[in-house]
Amino acid sequence: MIEEAEFLTSQTDGIVVSACPVLVNEDHASADRYMWGYYLCIENNSNRKICLLGKNWSITDDKGNSYFDTSAGFKGELPELEPGEYFEFTSEAPLSSANAVFYGSCRVLSNGRTLDIKIPTFSLSAGQGRKRILN
């Protein structure tokens, strides 16, 4: 379950990105492996159609390890959003640390130009003591 109060948002050119970290299953976390998930909601609040081209994010843990995803699309999709529409996306990342920081951007095509729309930066911390399941 994802609690709405935990969402962080950012906005660029009328495109709003909401993000939330999720510890997928604390029961399966071991001393050296944590399965983190994240949820993104990309809303087109502009007055033009946009196409979501992909993402460029990084996770850096408290041990200095970095993990990257610079892939095109969202699980094989290149969603097109009319004004007022939104797209939801979830994914997972196995980490070797209980604490990390997630940061990056989404690539969007709007009016023939490619924009990098900031994803809100958030921390991943298993020490918060609350279990969440990514649906």
Protein backbone atom coordinates (compact mmCIF):
# COMPACT_ATOMS: atom_id res chain seq x y z
CA MET A 1 0.00 0.00 0.00
CA ILE A 2 1.32 3.44 -0.89
CA GLU A 3 0.23 6.30 1.34
CA GLU A 4 -0.51 9.52 -0.56
CA ALA A 5 1.20 11.70 2.05
CA GLU A 6 4.52 10.08 1.10
CA PHE A 7 4.47 11.40 -2.48
CA LEU A 8 6.93 14.02 -3.61
CA THR A 9 6.20 16.09 -6.71
CA SER A 10 8.03 18.30 -9.17
CA GLN A 11 6.75 20.28 -12.14
CA THR A 12 8.38 21.44 -15.38
CA ASP A 13 6.51 23.13 -18.26
CA GLY A 14 3.13 21.89 -17.00
CA ILE A 15 4.30 18.29 -16.64
CA VAL A 16 4.03 17.01 -13.07
CA VAL A 17 5.97 14.00 -11.80
CA SER A 18 4.93 12.44 -8.49
CA ALA A 19 7.21 9.83 -6.95
CA CYS A 20 7.17 7.51 -3.97
CA PRO A 21 9.70 4.93 -2.68
CA VAL A 22 8.52 1.48 -1.61
CA LEU A 23 10.37 -1.24 0.26
CA VAL A 24 8.86 -4.12 -1.70
CA ASN A 25 9.10 -6.86 0.91
CA GLU A 26 10.97 -6.31 4.12
CA ASP A 27 10.53 -9.99 5.05
CA HIS A 28 12.89 -11.01 2.26
CA ALA A 29 15.51 -8.37 3.03
CA SER A 30 18.76 -9.84 4.22
CA ALA A 31 21.80 -8.11 5.63
CA ASP A 32 23.17 -7.64 2.11
CA ARG A 33 20.08 -7.41 -0.16
CA TYR A 34 17.03 -5.11 -0.17
CA MET A 35 14.36 -5.04 -2.87
CA TRP A 36 13.27 -1.46 -3.38
CA GLY A 37 10.49 -0.33 -5.64
CA TYR A 38 9.40 3.07 -6.82
CA TYR A 39 6.20 4.52 -8.18
CA LEU A 40 6.01 7.38 -10.68
CA CYS A 41 2.95 9.22 -11.91
CA ILE A 42 3.54 11.56 -14.86
CA GLU A 43 0.70 14.04 -15.46
CA ASN A 44 0.36 16.19 -18.56
CA ASN A 45 -1.05 19.47 -17.25
CA SER A 46 0.23 21.37 -20.30
CA ASN A 47 -1.93 22.43 -23.25
CA ARG A 48 -0.18 20.12 -25.75
CA LYS A 49 0.24 16.40 -26.40
CA ILE A 50 3.47 14.86 -25.08
CA CYS A 51 5.27 11.56 -25.60
CA LEU A 52 7.18 9.87 -22.77
CA LEU A 53 10.48 8.72 -24.29
CA GLY A 54 12.19 7.15 -21.29
CA LYS A 55 13.94 7.67 -18.01
CA ASN A 56 17.36 8.53 -16.71
CA TRP A 57 17.64 7.79 -13.02
CA SER A 58 20.30 6.86 -10.51
CA ILE A 59 20.26 5.28 -7.09
CA THR A 60 23.30 5.83 -4.91
CA ASP A 61 23.51 3.87 -1.67
CA ASP A 62 25.26 4.75 1.56
CA LYS A 63 28.17 2.48 0.59
CA GLY A 64 28.89 4.56 -2.52
CA ASN A 65 27.44 2.06 -5.02
CA SER A 66 25.45 3.54 -7.90
CA TYR A 67 22.77 1.94 -10.02
CA PHE A 68 21.49 3.50 -13.24
CA ASP A 69 18.58 3.16 -15.65
CA THR A 70 18.86 5.19 -18.85
CA SER A 71 16.48 3.08 -20.89
CA ALA A 72 14.06 4.16 -23.56
CA GLY A 73 10.39 3.85 -22.82
CA PHE A 74 8.62 2.47 -19.79
CA LYS A 75 8.61 -1.35 -19.86
CA GLY A 76 8.45 -1.27 -23.65
CA GLU A 77 5.90 1.54 -23.89
CA LEU A 78 6.28 5.06 -25.28
CA PRO A 79 3.09 6.56 -23.82
CA GLU A 80 1.50 9.56 -25.49
CA LEU A 81 -0.45 11.83 -23.16
CA GLU A 82 -3.05 14.36 -24.19
CA PRO A 83 -3.56 17.38 -21.93
CA GLY A 84 -5.11 16.19 -18.65
CA GLU A 85 -3.95 12.55 -19.02
CA TYR A 86 -1.46 10.74 -16.79
CA PHE A 87 0.72 7.64 -16.85
CA GLU A 88 1.63 5.49 -13.85
CA PHE A 89 4.80 3.40 -13.68
CA THR A 90 6.32 1.08 -11.07
CA SER A 91 9.59 -0.76 -11.04
CA GLU A 92 12.00 -2.46 -8.66
CA ALA A 93 15.72 -2.28 -7.91
CA PRO A 94 17.67 -4.74 -5.73
CA LEU A 95 20.20 -2.91 -3.56
CA SER A 96 22.97 -4.11 -1.28
CA SER A 97 22.23 -1.41 1.29
CA ALA A 98 19.25 -0.43 3.40
CA ASN A 99 19.79 3.29 2.68
CA ALA A 100 20.07 5.08 -0.64
CA VAL A 101 19.00 8.17 -2.62
CA PHE A 102 16.97 8.06 -5.86
CA TYR A 103 17.28 10.95 -8.34
CA GLY A 104 16.90 11.56 -12.06
CA SER A 105 14.56 12.66 -14.83
CA CYS A 106 12.07 11.51 -17.45
CA ARG A 107 12.65 12.28 -21.13
CA VAL A 108 9.62 13.84 -22.80
CA LEU A 109 8.97 14.90 -26.39
CA SER A 110 6.91 18.10 -26.47
CA ASN A 111 6.39 20.39 -29.48
CA GLY A 112 9.24 18.68 -31.34
CA ARG A 113 11.80 19.15 -28.57
CA THR A 114 13.10 16.73 -25.99
CA LEU A 115 12.82 17.84 -22.37
CA ASP A 116 14.28 16.32 -19.22
CA ILE A 117 11.57 16.49 -16.57
CA LYS A 118 12.98 16.18 -13.05
CA ILE A 119 11.88 13.26 -10.89
CA PRO A 120 11.68 14.37 -7.25
CA THR A 121 14.72 13.21 -5.28
CA PHE A 122 13.83 10.85 -2.44
CA SER A 123 15.60 8.66 0.08
CA LEU A 124 15.22 4.92 0.48
CA SER A 125 15.64 3.92 4.09
CA ALA A 126 14.67 0.51 5.47
CA GLY A 127 15.33 1.87 8.94
CA GLN A 128 12.07 3.83 8.82
CA GLY A 129 10.39 0.73 10.23
CA ARG A 130 7.34 0.75 7.97
CA LYS A 131 6.72 -2.09 5.56
CA ARG A 132 5.12 -1.28 2.23
CA ILE A 133 4.14 -3.58 -0.57
CA LEU A 134 4.33 -2.40 -4.17
CA ASN A 135 1.10 -3.35 -5.99
